[in-house]
Every structure is written in structure tokens, then in C-alpha cells.
């Protein structure tokens, strides 16, 4: 390979690393700041707040005596509280022995149980708070479709249509359009429409009702591409319209879904319209385990295309409180789905290929960044939820493990012995390493 042909790949690699570092740094900073600020509120002093590990690139001491620093290896961070032996925690027995009662109270190990518990739990909770706020902000920026449905921005398609921006859609093929807040009726309505390239729309324009032609509501158009999918591998882009599959013309996204699901993983010949040109692409659907409403999983074939209307509906901005509720619901769904997926992997119901390691996360970071700022910020919120959830697992060395130790102390009246702690910490570290190995193996060897 000559240098010129290598440049685009090198550029993609750099973008992937930069995106991964940016996403991880934001999430780690929020997580560690949660530990720091709640510790401070609880009367626990911090000696060091570090973003990254290794050689220090920049540092400054604040008026409270905390050293804030940025280190050379940006793959994590830590808060070293007063009285800790090192960045991983543990008591500095020699330093603690020279402290008076008041000074010991300002250390992590000398603080009351409630203060230690709140400080440890704050890291994951701040991750969840970040996710909720980010999702809420995105929902407010994107808005909610208006009722009745109004045309916002028309997508460019090679299909005749007479709709205009601002048209209110009253009916399609003579059937009245239900409200968006009636999802069941709306779904039945869409499924009942004829799957044809041209439909008749009844619209309200400038106070007059008009009948105008338009495409099928949900054409086989890609509004977004899922990272590390067959569509991404084939070079498909948002805005691509699929005209034919294996030579057969299609007009509805549902037809595309049916052909992909029935492919059994065989390659599909796609003719794609993009910006006035025609592309011939071959996509090989990938097997995926998708969660079902009953809590189980179903193995299906997917190519990684997100569909949508042939236009972007006009929207209205929801209230902050309403968007916050939607953000909390989105965060909860990520947690619920992650726990369900992990349980099904442990029981062998689904493949461990559903687990992503650092390589897969880095690749997804790069692809989401390449799809635009909103998609990248959404990914940061999703990853923040995952980091918060993992840290709550009852595994020693994680925050959840420390909370389990505190629960034992609350019940027994004393903390676990140093020997027990060392053994459990070793086991916990082994479990974390095993999880990383499984994730990396999945990244390298799963299709």
C-alpha cells in the first residue's frame, strides 16, 4: 500500500481515537467529579483529582488543597482522597496514625459510613444524571411532531410529489391521519396504507384543502446508518434510497425489512439512489439478538439502516420537565436492556458476541462522530449510562463492590478484615480482566 492510499484510512483511525478519547474523558470527568463533589459536601477532603494516568501534563493546586491534573494516558481517571494509600484507595495507615480525630474525619476511611457511601455512589449517579440531561436536551432540540402532522423539511427523492413545507396532512388515500399521541391507532393506520410508490395526500395549505401526490409514507430510505453494521461496511450514507433488492423493485421500508430478515444472512444486491446517481452495492445481513417486549430475545438479520418518513415532520419544543421525563425513561430503557442482555448472555440464551470491548466502543465512537454532533452526543449519553451501570455491579474494585462492603459494615458493625478485602479485591480485578478479555475477543472474532 502506498502512502497516498493509506492517508484516508489513517485519517479514519485518528478520528476514531480522538472521538473515543473525547467521549471517555467526558464520562470519566463527570464520574470522578461526582465522587469529588459529594465527598466534599460530606466533609471528605481530596488530595488529587486526575483525568488520566501516567506522567502529568498539567496541574494546579486549588485553595482547598486539591491538586487538579491532566495526565498523559487519557483512559480513565481517579480522585485520591485524604488518607488514601494511592489512587486505587485503601488506607494509608502510617499517615492516618498521625492524625487527630478532626483530621481523620476529613479522610475517606475516617468519615462516617453515610458519607463514604454517598461519596462512592455519587460517581455512577452522576453518570446517570449526565445521560438524562443530555437526552433531555436532544429531545428539546429535536422537538416533537406537531398534531396534525405538518410537513417540515422535504427529503430529496427521485419520486414525484406535490407536498410543500407547511402542509398539514389530513388524510392519505382518503383515510384520516390519527394523532401522534395515539400510537396504536397510528401504527394500524400506517400498516393499512397500500405499498405503492405514489399515494394521494389530502393537505391543508393556506386555508385550502388540496389533493396532491406523494411517495409512500415510509419509503426504503436510510435516515441514519448504524455503526459497525452491514450498511456501514458497504459505505451506505444517510439519505440513500434503496430502489431494488436482487433486481426486485421495492417501495416501502417494510419490504426491505422483510427481504433482509428472510435472507438468512445471504448477500443482497442493492440498487441505491444517492444525490441523483445510482449505486450498486452488495450487503451481507448480520445476525443480531434483539430484545422483545416480553423480556426475551429474538435472533434476526439486520443491515443497520434506520428508516423514516419521506419528510421530516414539523416539531414543537417540549417543556424542560417533559423532556427530562423522556430523558429519564430513555436512560432506564438502556439500563433495563443492558441488564437483560447480560443475563441472557450469562445463561447462554444469546451469544457473547453481543458484548462490546474497547475496540468495538472506539470504532463506534468514530462512526458516531462522523455522523454528526447530535449522534456523537447521543452516544456519549448512552455510554455514560453503561459506565454508571457497570460501576454499580457488586464486584470488588468497582463502586458497587465498595457499597457492598459498606452494607456489610452497616449490618455487622465493622468493616471486612484487611485479608478478606485483599482476597476479594483480587477476585474482583480478575473478573474485570475477564470481562475485558471477553469484550476484546468479541471485537476481534465476532462477525
Protein backbone atom coordinates (compact mmCIF):
# COMPACT_ATOMS: atom_id res chain seq x y z
CA UNK A 1 0.00 0.00 0.00
CA UNK A 2 1.44 3.41 -0.96
CA UNK A 3 1.32 6.43 1.31
CA UNK A 4 -1.43 8.23 -0.64
CA UNK A 5 -3.88 5.32 -0.37
CA UNK A 6 -3.09 4.97 3.33
CA UNK A 7 -3.98 8.59 4.21
CA UNK A 8 -7.81 8.15 4.27
CA UNK A 9 -7.51 5.06 6.48
CA UNK A 10 -5.06 6.84 8.77
CA UNK A 11 -7.44 9.81 8.97
CA UNK A 12 -10.29 7.48 9.94
CA UNK A 13 -8.13 5.85 12.60
CA UNK A 14 -7.17 9.23 14.07
CA UNK A 15 -10.83 10.30 14.12
CA UNK A 16 -11.77 7.07 15.87
CA UNK A 17 -9.12 7.54 18.59
CA UNK A 18 -9.91 11.22 19.10
CA UNK A 19 -13.66 10.53 19.33
CA UNK A 20 -13.08 7.68 21.78
CA UNK A 21 -10.78 9.77 23.98
CA UNK A 22 -13.19 12.73 23.97
CA UNK A 23 -16.20 10.54 24.85
CA UNK A 24 -14.34 8.64 27.56
CA UNK A 25 -12.78 11.78 29.04
CA UNK A 26 -16.16 13.50 29.40
CA UNK A 27 -17.72 10.44 31.02
CA UNK A 28 -14.80 9.83 33.38
CA UNK A 29 -14.62 13.51 34.35
CA UNK A 30 -18.33 13.52 35.28
CA UNK A 31 -18.00 10.22 37.17
CA UNK A 32 -14.98 11.31 39.19
CA UNK A 33 -16.41 14.77 39.80
CA UNK A 34 -19.44 13.07 41.33
CA UNK A 35 -17.14 11.31 43.80
CA UNK A 36 -15.23 14.53 44.47
CA UNK A 37 -18.08 16.99 44.98
CA UNK A 38 -20.26 14.70 47.11
CA UNK A 39 -17.17 13.79 49.13
CA UNK A 40 -16.50 17.49 49.67
CA UNK A 41 -20.13 18.10 50.65
CA UNK A 42 -19.82 15.17 53.08
CA UNK A 43 -16.72 16.62 54.72
CA UNK A 44 -14.10 14.47 52.97
CA UNK A 45 -11.04 16.23 51.54
CA UNK A 46 -9.48 15.26 48.21
CA UNK A 47 -5.72 15.40 47.64
CA UNK A 48 -5.77 14.74 43.87
CA UNK A 49 -8.31 14.90 41.05
CA UNK A 50 -6.73 13.33 37.96
CA UNK A 51 -8.08 13.00 34.45
CA UNK A 52 -5.90 10.25 33.00
CA UNK A 53 -2.99 8.26 34.35
CA UNK A 54 0.79 8.36 33.99
CA UNK A 55 3.04 11.39 33.53
CA UNK A 56 1.34 14.67 34.46
CA UNK A 57 0.90 17.12 31.56
CA UNK A 58 -0.76 19.92 33.50
CA UNK A 59 -1.63 20.54 37.15
CA UNK A 60 -2.73 23.26 39.53
CA UNK A 61 -3.48 23.42 43.25
CA UNK A 62 -6.76 24.97 44.35
CA UNK A 63 -7.37 26.87 47.57
CA UNK A 64 -8.77 23.76 49.25
CA UNK A 65 -5.51 21.88 48.76
CA UNK A 66 -6.71 19.63 45.94
CA UNK A 67 -4.29 19.07 43.06
CA UNK A 68 -6.16 19.08 39.73
CA UNK A 69 -4.20 17.42 36.95
CA UNK A 70 -4.35 16.07 33.40
CA UNK A 71 -2.14 13.02 32.76
CA UNK A 72 -0.73 11.57 29.56
CA UNK A 73 -2.83 8.37 29.36
CA UNK A 74 -6.43 9.54 28.85
CA UNK A 75 -8.12 6.21 29.51
CA UNK A 76 -9.59 6.80 32.93
CA UNK A 77 -9.15 8.98 35.97
CA UNK A 78 -9.36 8.99 39.74
CA UNK A 79 -9.86 11.00 42.92
CA UNK A 80 -7.34 10.37 45.67
CA UNK A 81 -8.98 11.32 48.94
CA UNK A 82 -7.14 12.39 52.07
CA UNK A 83 -5.78 9.36 53.91
CA UNK A 84 -5.85 7.07 50.85
CA UNK A 85 -2.74 4.97 50.22
CA UNK A 86 -2.87 5.50 46.46
CA UNK A 87 -5.13 6.28 43.51
CA UNK A 88 -6.94 2.94 43.98
CA UNK A 89 -7.93 3.78 47.53
CA UNK A 90 -7.03 1.79 50.60
CA UNK A 91 -5.94 3.33 53.86
CA UNK A 92 -2.56 4.94 54.37
CA UNK A 93 -2.12 3.53 57.88
CA UNK A 94 1.05 5.49 58.63
CA UNK A 95 -0.48 8.83 57.65
CA UNK A 96 -3.73 8.07 59.47
CA UNK A 97 -1.92 7.19 62.70
CA UNK A 98 -0.52 10.73 62.98
CA UNK A 99 -3.92 12.41 62.56
CA UNK A 100 -6.18 13.75 65.25
CA UNK A 101 -9.90 12.96 65.40
CA UNK A 102 -10.94 16.09 63.47
CA UNK A 103 -8.41 15.47 60.71
CA UNK A 104 -9.33 11.78 60.45
CA UNK A 105 -12.95 12.84 59.93
CA UNK A 106 -11.84 14.60 56.74
CA UNK A 107 -10.44 11.36 55.27
CA UNK A 108 -12.37 8.72 53.32
CA UNK A 109 -11.51 5.96 55.80
CA UNK A 110 -12.24 8.09 58.87
CA UNK A 111 -15.56 9.50 57.65
CA UNK A 112 -18.93 8.17 58.84
CA UNK A 113 -20.46 5.30 56.90
CA UNK A 114 -23.13 7.52 55.36
CA UNK A 115 -20.53 9.94 54.00
CA UNK A 116 -18.43 7.16 52.46
CA UNK A 117 -21.49 5.51 50.93
CA UNK A 118 -22.76 8.76 49.44
CA UNK A 119 -19.33 9.60 48.02
CA UNK A 120 -18.91 6.21 46.35
CA UNK A 121 -22.47 6.07 44.98
CA UNK A 122 -22.18 9.58 43.53
CA UNK A 123 -19.93 8.54 40.64
CA UNK A 124 -22.45 6.24 38.90
CA UNK A 125 -25.36 8.53 39.82
CA UNK A 126 -23.63 11.49 38.15
CA UNK A 127 -23.20 9.33 35.04
CA UNK A 128 -26.95 8.66 35.01
CA UNK A 129 -27.65 12.36 35.61
CA UNK A 130 -25.44 13.26 32.63
CA UNK A 131 -27.34 10.83 30.42
CA UNK A 132 -30.74 12.13 31.50
CA UNK A 133 -29.76 15.77 30.91
CA UNK A 134 -28.16 15.04 27.52
CA UNK A 135 -31.14 13.01 26.30
CA UNK A 136 -33.50 15.73 27.55
CA UNK A 137 -31.50 18.39 25.73
CA UNK A 138 -31.56 16.41 22.49
CA UNK A 139 -35.32 15.83 22.79
CA UNK A 140 -35.83 19.57 23.26
CA UNK A 141 -33.65 20.45 20.27
CA UNK A 142 -35.25 17.83 18.02
CA UNK A 143 -38.75 18.60 19.30
CA UNK A 144 -41.92 16.52 18.97
CA UNK A 145 -44.01 16.17 15.81
CA UNK A 146 -46.96 18.53 15.75
CA UNK A 147 -50.60 17.44 15.59
CA UNK A 148 -51.97 17.39 12.97
CA UNK A 149 -48.89 16.20 11.07
CA UNK A 150 -47.20 19.09 9.30
CA UNK A 151 -44.50 18.88 6.65
CA UNK A 152 -41.23 20.29 7.91
CA UNK A 153 -38.30 19.58 5.59
CA UNK A 154 -38.85 17.50 2.44
CA UNK A 155 -36.17 14.93 1.69
CA UNK A 156 -34.75 14.86 -1.82
CA UNK A 157 -36.12 11.76 -3.57
CA UNK A 158 -36.41 10.65 -7.24
CA UNK A 159 -40.18 10.35 -6.83
CA UNK A 160 -42.80 12.85 -7.94
CA UNK A 161 -44.51 14.57 -5.03
CA UNK A 162 -46.64 17.68 -4.67
CA UNK A 163 -46.32 18.37 -0.97
CA UNK A 164 -44.78 21.59 0.32
CA UNK A 165 -43.24 22.72 3.57
CA UNK A 166 -46.00 23.80 5.95
CA UNK A 167 -48.68 21.48 4.51
CA UNK A 168 -50.85 19.87 7.18
CA UNK A 169 -51.58 16.26 6.23
CA UNK A 170 -55.23 15.50 6.92
CA UNK A 171 -55.62 12.16 5.11
CA UNK A 172 -53.76 9.65 2.95
CA UNK A 173 -55.66 7.65 0.33
CA UNK A 174 -58.85 9.04 1.86
CA UNK A 175 -58.09 7.75 5.38
CA UNK A 176 -57.85 10.38 8.13
CA UNK A 177 -54.41 10.58 9.78
CA UNK A 178 -54.59 9.78 13.55
CA UNK A 179 -52.78 11.91 16.11
CA UNK A 180 -49.18 11.16 17.10
CA UNK A 181 -50.28 10.74 20.72
CA UNK A 182 -52.38 7.74 19.62
CA UNK A 183 -49.51 5.35 18.75
CA UNK A 184 -51.63 2.21 18.43
CA UNK A 185 -54.10 3.84 16.03
CA UNK A 186 -51.24 5.47 14.13
CA UNK A 187 -49.50 2.12 13.67
CA UNK A 188 -52.69 0.46 12.40
CA UNK A 189 -53.20 3.38 10.00
CA UNK A 190 -49.70 3.11 8.53
CA UNK A 191 -49.91 -0.65 8.11
CA UNK A 192 -53.18 -0.28 6.21
CA UNK A 193 -51.75 2.01 3.53
CA UNK A 194 -51.11 0.46 0.10
CA UNK A 195 -47.40 -0.10 -0.53
CA UNK A 196 -47.11 1.86 -3.73
CA UNK A 197 -44.65 4.48 -4.92
CA UNK A 198 -47.41 7.06 -5.38
CA UNK A 199 -50.22 7.87 -2.93
CA UNK A 200 -52.81 10.65 -2.73
CA UNK A 201 -52.44 13.08 0.18
CA UNK A 202 -55.17 15.42 1.39
CA UNK A 203 -53.46 18.50 2.80
CA UNK A 204 -54.43 21.85 4.25
CA UNK A 205 -52.40 24.60 2.55
CA UNK A 206 -53.02 28.30 3.16
CA UNK A 207 -56.53 27.53 4.41
CA UNK A 208 -57.46 25.34 1.42
CA UNK A 209 -57.81 21.57 1.20
CA UNK A 210 -55.88 20.09 -1.71
CA UNK A 211 -55.27 16.59 -3.08
CA UNK A 212 -51.63 16.17 -4.06
CA UNK A 213 -49.44 13.16 -4.99
CA UNK A 214 -46.66 11.92 -2.72
CA UNK A 215 -44.44 8.89 -2.09
CA UNK A 216 -45.23 6.05 0.26
CA UNK A 217 -45.00 7.41 3.83
CA UNK A 218 -42.14 5.11 4.87
CA UNK A 219 -40.03 4.57 1.75
CA UNK A 220 -36.89 2.41 1.92
CA UNK A 221 -34.71 5.41 2.75
CA UNK A 222 -31.80 5.48 5.19
CA UNK A 223 -32.22 8.35 7.64
CA UNK A 224 -29.25 7.05 9.66
CA UNK A 225 -26.68 4.26 9.47
CA UNK A 226 -25.95 2.03 12.47
CA UNK A 227 -22.21 1.84 13.28
CA UNK A 228 -20.41 -1.46 12.57
CA UNK A 229 -23.35 -2.72 10.52
CA UNK A 230 -23.56 -4.24 7.04
CA UNK A 231 -24.75 -0.89 5.67
CA UNK A 232 -21.81 0.89 7.29
CA UNK A 233 -19.36 -1.69 5.94
CA UNK A 234 -20.79 -1.24 2.42
CA UNK A 235 -20.42 2.55 2.57
CA UNK A 236 -24.10 3.50 2.69
CA UNK A 237 -24.93 7.02 3.84
CA UNK A 238 -27.88 8.80 5.39
CA UNK A 239 -30.22 9.91 2.58
CA UNK A 240 -29.64 6.83 0.40
CA UNK A 241 -32.83 5.42 -1.14
CA UNK A 242 -32.96 1.71 -1.96
CA UNK A 243 -34.64 1.17 -5.31
CA UNK A 244 -34.29 -2.60 -5.83
CA UNK A 245 -33.15 -5.70 -3.95
CA UNK A 246 -31.83 -8.54 -6.12
CA UNK A 247 -33.48 -6.85 -9.11
CA UNK A 248 -36.93 -6.54 -7.48
CA UNK A 249 -38.30 -3.02 -7.04
CA UNK A 250 -39.43 -2.04 -3.54
CA UNK A 251 -41.40 0.98 -2.36
CA UNK A 252 -41.75 0.50 1.42
CA UNK A 253 -39.25 0.18 4.26
CA UNK A 254 -41.24 -2.81 5.49
CA UNK A 255 -40.50 -4.60 2.21
CA UNK A 256 -36.79 -4.00 2.82
CA UNK A 257 -37.07 -5.37 6.35
CA UNK A 258 -38.87 -8.49 5.12
CA UNK A 259 -36.25 -9.20 2.45
CA UNK A 260 -33.39 -8.76 4.92
CA UNK A 261 -35.00 -10.96 7.59
CA UNK A 262 -35.72 -13.74 5.07
CA UNK A 263 -32.21 -13.63 3.61
CA UNK A 264 -30.77 -15.99 6.25
CA UNK A 265 -27.53 -13.99 6.00
CA UNK A 266 -27.07 -14.35 2.24
CA UNK A 267 -25.65 -11.35 0.37
CA UNK A 268 -28.16 -8.91 -1.13
CA UNK A 269 -27.68 -6.95 -4.36
CA UNK A 270 -28.96 -3.42 -3.76
CA UNK A 271 -29.50 -0.64 -6.26
CA UNK A 272 -29.26 2.63 -4.37
CA UNK A 273 -30.14 6.19 -5.40
CA UNK A 274 -27.85 8.87 -3.97
CA UNK A 275 -27.81 12.56 -4.97
CA UNK A 276 -29.08 11.84 -8.48
CA UNK A 277 -26.77 8.89 -9.14
CA UNK A 278 -27.28 5.13 -8.99
CA UNK A 279 -25.00 2.83 -6.97
CA UNK A 280 -24.82 -0.96 -6.99
CA UNK A 281 -23.94 -2.33 -3.56
CA UNK A 282 -23.72 -5.78 -2.00
CA UNK A 283 -24.74 -6.05 1.65
CA UNK A 284 -24.46 -9.17 3.80
CA UNK A 285 -27.00 -9.01 6.66
CA UNK A 286 -25.62 -9.65 10.13
CA UNK A 287 -27.23 -11.84 12.74
CA UNK A 288 -28.39 -9.95 15.83
CA UNK A 289 -30.16 -10.74 19.08
CA UNK A 290 -32.90 -8.16 19.57
CA UNK A 291 -34.83 -7.62 22.84
CA UNK A 292 -38.54 -8.37 22.77
CA UNK A 293 -41.43 -6.80 24.75
CA UNK A 294 -41.71 -9.93 26.91
CA UNK A 295 -38.10 -9.51 28.13
CA UNK A 296 -36.65 -12.24 25.90
CA UNK A 297 -34.51 -12.00 22.79
CA UNK A 298 -35.09 -12.93 19.17
CA UNK A 299 -32.33 -13.70 16.65
CA UNK A 300 -32.87 -11.72 13.44
CA UNK A 301 -30.90 -10.48 10.44
CA UNK A 302 -30.27 -6.76 10.07
CA UNK A 303 -28.28 -4.49 7.73
CA UNK A 304 -28.18 -1.46 10.03
CA UNK A 305 -30.42 1.09 8.30
CA UNK A 306 -32.71 3.39 10.28
CA UNK A 307 -35.84 4.34 8.35
CA UNK A 308 -38.15 7.32 8.48
CA UNK A 309 -40.80 9.37 6.72
CA UNK A 310 -40.12 10.81 3.28
CA UNK A 311 -40.12 14.21 5.01
CA UNK A 312 -39.11 15.48 8.41
CA UNK A 313 -42.28 16.46 10.32
CA UNK A 314 -42.54 19.95 11.77
CA UNK A 315 -41.94 19.92 15.51
CA UNK A 316 -42.73 21.84 18.67
CA UNK A 317 -40.39 22.15 21.64
CA UNK A 318 -41.48 20.16 24.71
CA UNK A 319 -41.17 21.66 28.18
CA UNK A 320 -37.97 21.02 30.11
CA UNK A 321 -39.84 18.92 32.68
CA UNK A 322 -41.43 16.79 29.96
CA UNK A 323 -38.10 16.35 28.16
CA UNK A 324 -36.44 15.46 31.47
CA UNK A 325 -39.03 12.71 31.98
CA UNK A 326 -38.33 11.38 28.49
CA UNK A 327 -34.59 11.51 29.21
CA UNK A 328 -35.07 9.52 32.41
CA UNK A 329 -37.23 6.98 30.54
CA UNK A 330 -34.55 6.62 27.84
CA UNK A 331 -31.84 6.08 30.47
CA UNK A 332 -33.99 3.49 32.24
CA UNK A 333 -34.56 1.60 28.99
CA UNK A 334 -30.81 1.43 28.36
CA UNK A 335 -30.24 0.07 31.87
CA UNK A 336 -33.08 -2.45 31.56
CA UNK A 337 -31.93 -3.63 28.14
CA UNK A 338 -28.30 -3.92 29.25
CA UNK A 339 -29.15 -5.99 32.31
CA UNK A 340 -31.47 -8.22 30.30
CA UNK A 341 -28.82 -8.74 27.63
CA UNK A 342 -26.12 -9.53 30.20
CA UNK A 343 -28.37 -12.04 31.96
CA UNK A 344 -29.22 -13.78 28.69
CA UNK A 345 -25.52 -13.96 27.78
CA UNK A 346 -24.69 -15.48 31.19
CA UNK A 347 -27.44 -18.08 30.79
CA UNK A 348 -26.36 -18.85 27.23
CA UNK A 349 -29.62 -17.67 25.66
CA UNK A 350 -27.78 -15.28 23.36
CA UNK A 351 -24.24 -15.09 22.05
CA UNK A 352 -21.42 -13.24 23.85
CA UNK A 353 -20.85 -11.52 20.50
CA UNK A 354 -23.41 -9.01 21.79
CA UNK A 355 -20.71 -7.80 24.21
CA UNK A 356 -18.51 -4.94 23.01
CA UNK A 357 -14.96 -4.35 24.22
CA UNK A 358 -12.70 -1.31 23.98
CA UNK A 359 -12.01 -1.83 20.28
CA UNK A 360 -15.70 -2.00 19.39
CA UNK A 361 -16.51 1.01 21.56
CA UNK A 362 -13.70 3.02 19.94
CA UNK A 363 -14.92 2.08 16.45
CA UNK A 364 -18.48 3.06 17.33
CA UNK A 365 -17.22 6.36 18.77
CA UNK A 366 -15.53 7.20 15.48
CA UNK A 367 -18.54 6.26 13.36
CA UNK A 368 -20.97 8.21 15.53
CA UNK A 369 -18.69 11.26 15.40
CA UNK A 370 -18.60 11.01 11.59
CA UNK A 371 -22.43 11.06 11.51
CA UNK A 372 -22.68 14.44 13.19
CA UNK A 373 -22.54 16.19 16.54
CA UNK A 374 -26.01 15.15 17.69
CA UNK A 375 -25.35 11.45 17.08
CA UNK A 376 -21.99 11.68 18.86
CA UNK A 377 -23.50 13.44 21.88
CA UNK A 378 -26.26 10.81 21.98
CA UNK A 379 -23.58 8.11 22.01
CA UNK A 380 -21.79 9.83 24.91
CA UNK A 381 -25.04 9.77 26.91
CA UNK A 382 -25.59 6.10 26.09
CA UNK A 383 -22.01 5.22 27.06
CA UNK A 384 -22.31 7.25 30.26
CA UNK A 385 -25.31 5.14 31.28
CA UNK A 386 -23.34 1.96 30.57
CA UNK A 387 -20.35 3.16 32.61
CA UNK A 388 -22.58 4.11 35.52
CA UNK A 389 -24.33 0.74 35.41
CA UNK A 390 -21.12 -1.29 35.22
CA UNK A 391 -19.67 0.61 38.19
CA UNK A 392 -22.68 -0.40 40.28
CA UNK A 393 -22.06 -4.11 39.74
CA UNK A 394 -21.32 -5.79 43.11
CA UNK A 395 -17.74 -6.57 42.09
CA UNK A 396 -14.83 -5.61 44.36
CA UNK A 397 -12.69 -2.76 42.91
CA UNK A 398 -15.87 -1.24 41.40
CA UNK A 399 -18.10 1.26 43.22
CA UNK A 400 -20.77 -1.41 43.64
CA UNK A 401 -18.27 -3.64 45.42
CA UNK A 402 -17.39 -0.86 47.87
CA UNK A 403 -21.08 -0.29 48.53
CA UNK A 404 -21.42 -4.00 49.34
CA UNK A 405 -18.56 -3.67 51.83
CA UNK A 406 -20.33 -0.68 53.40
CA UNK A 407 -23.57 -2.67 53.60
CA UNK A 408 -21.70 -5.45 55.42
CA UNK A 409 -20.24 -2.87 57.79
CA UNK A 410 -23.69 -1.39 58.45
CA UNK A 411 -25.08 -4.82 59.37
CA UNK A 412 -22.11 -6.25 61.30
CA UNK A 413 -20.89 -3.05 62.86
CA UNK A 414 -17.34 -3.47 61.49
CA UNK A 415 -15.68 -3.44 58.06
CA UNK A 416 -14.33 -6.63 56.45
CA UNK A 417 -10.82 -7.58 57.57
CA UNK A 418 -7.82 -6.47 55.52
CA UNK A 419 -7.13 -10.05 54.44
CA UNK A 420 -10.69 -10.54 53.23
CA UNK A 421 -10.55 -7.22 51.38
CA UNK A 422 -7.30 -8.17 49.64
CA UNK A 423 -8.71 -11.52 48.52
CA UNK A 424 -11.98 -10.02 47.31
CA UNK A 425 -10.18 -7.21 45.51
CA UNK A 426 -8.00 -9.76 43.70
CA UNK A 427 -11.09 -11.72 42.68
CA UNK A 428 -12.80 -8.54 41.51
CA UNK A 429 -9.81 -7.48 39.47
CA UNK A 430 -9.76 -10.93 37.87
CA UNK A 431 -13.44 -10.63 36.94
CA UNK A 432 -12.88 -7.21 35.38
CA UNK A 433 -9.93 -8.53 33.35
CA UNK A 434 -12.03 -11.50 32.23
CA UNK A 435 -14.82 -9.15 31.12
CA UNK A 436 -12.32 -7.06 29.15
CA UNK A 437 -10.89 -10.19 27.51
CA UNK A 438 -14.37 -11.38 26.53
CA UNK A 439 -15.22 -7.97 25.10
CA UNK A 440 -11.97 -7.73 23.15
CA UNK A 441 -12.39 -11.28 21.85
CA UNK A 442 -15.87 -10.33 20.67
CA UNK A 443 -14.47 -7.25 18.92
CA UNK A 444 -11.79 -9.26 17.12
CA UNK A 445 -13.50 -12.50 16.19
CA UNK A 446 -17.28 -11.97 16.05
CA UNK A 447 -18.78 -11.23 12.61
